[in-house]
Amino acid sequence: MKVMVSNMTEARRLTEATNLCDCPIDAVTGSRSCDAKSLLGILSLDITNEIELVFHCDEKDKEKYENIVSDRY
């Protein structure tokens, strides 16, 4: 799942949404990655590019968690 974050408010909304999920989620842009549940981590990434969210769970849960993030972000 790819997202764009262009400011602090969007970064906060993204981390609030990812924290509702019960699985680890990485945020990846370029060669850098961080915990997608960490506001400081998200802000440390290059937010001029898309951020890919990598869900570390089975496919059934991944779809559920992607919907949670999409609905709230």
Protein backbone atom coordinates (compact mmCIF):
# COMPACT_ATOMS: atom_id res chain seq x y z
CA MET A 1 0.00 0.00 0.00
CA LYS A 2 1.41 3.40 -0.96
CA VAL A 3 0.59 6.73 0.70
CA MET A 4 1.68 10.33 0.38
CA VAL A 5 2.45 12.42 3.44
CA SER A 6 2.94 16.11 2.78
CA ASN A 7 2.79 17.68 6.24
CA MET A 8 2.85 17.06 9.99
CA THR A 9 -0.94 16.67 10.23
CA GLU A 10 -0.97 13.91 7.61
CA ALA A 11 1.97 12.19 9.30
CA ARG A 12 0.07 12.24 12.62
CA ARG A 13 -3.09 10.88 10.98
CA LEU A 14 -1.08 8.09 9.35
CA THR A 15 0.56 7.02 12.60
CA GLU A 16 -2.77 7.15 14.43
CA ALA A 17 -4.25 4.84 11.77
CA THR A 18 -1.31 2.41 11.79
CA ASN A 19 -1.41 2.20 15.58
CA LEU A 20 -4.90 0.71 15.31
CA CYS A 21 -3.39 -2.34 13.61
CA ASP A 22 -2.13 -5.33 15.62
CA CYS A 23 0.76 -6.19 13.34
CA PRO A 24 4.14 -4.58 12.70
CA ILE A 25 4.12 -2.13 9.79
CA ASP A 26 7.17 -0.65 8.09
CA ALA A 27 7.19 2.59 6.15
CA VAL A 28 9.64 2.50 3.24
CA THR A 29 10.81 5.21 0.87
CA GLY A 30 13.90 4.79 -1.25
CA SER A 31 16.50 2.92 0.78
CA ARG A 32 15.16 4.10 4.15
CA SER A 33 12.59 2.44 6.34
CA CYS A 34 11.09 2.96 9.78
CA ASP A 35 8.29 1.80 12.06
CA ALA A 36 5.10 3.17 10.47
CA LYS A 37 3.61 3.55 13.95
CA SER A 38 6.27 6.12 14.90
CA LEU A 39 5.58 9.78 14.17
CA LEU A 40 9.27 10.66 14.43
CA GLY A 41 10.07 7.75 12.13
CA ILE A 42 7.62 8.94 9.47
CA LEU A 43 8.94 12.49 9.72
CA SER A 44 12.52 11.21 9.25
CA LEU A 45 11.64 9.79 5.82
CA ASP A 46 11.79 11.66 2.52
CA ILE A 47 8.13 12.71 2.33
CA THR A 48 8.55 14.22 -1.13
CA ASN A 49 8.10 10.66 -2.44
CA GLU A 50 5.43 8.03 -1.92
CA ILE A 51 5.78 5.96 1.22
CA GLU A 52 5.15 2.24 0.91
CA LEU A 53 3.54 0.59 3.93
CA VAL A 54 4.67 -3.01 4.43
CA PHE A 55 2.37 -5.04 6.67
CA HIS A 56 3.99 -8.02 8.42
CA CYS A 57 1.00 -10.34 8.77
CA ASP A 58 -0.93 -12.93 6.79
CA GLU A 59 -2.90 -11.90 3.69
CA LYS A 60 -6.31 -11.99 5.42
CA ASP A 61 -5.18 -9.62 8.16
CA LYS A 62 -3.23 -7.48 5.69
CA GLU A 63 -6.40 -6.66 3.76
CA LYS A 64 -8.22 -5.80 7.01
CA TYR A 65 -5.40 -3.54 8.20
CA GLU A 66 -5.04 -1.85 4.80
CA ASN A 67 -8.75 -1.01 4.99
CA ILE A 68 -8.32 0.43 8.49
CA VAL A 69 -5.48 2.66 7.33
CA SER A 70 -7.33 3.68 4.14
CA ASP A 71 -10.50 4.56 6.01
CA ARG A 72 -8.74 6.70 8.60
CA TYR A 73 -5.97 8.19 6.51
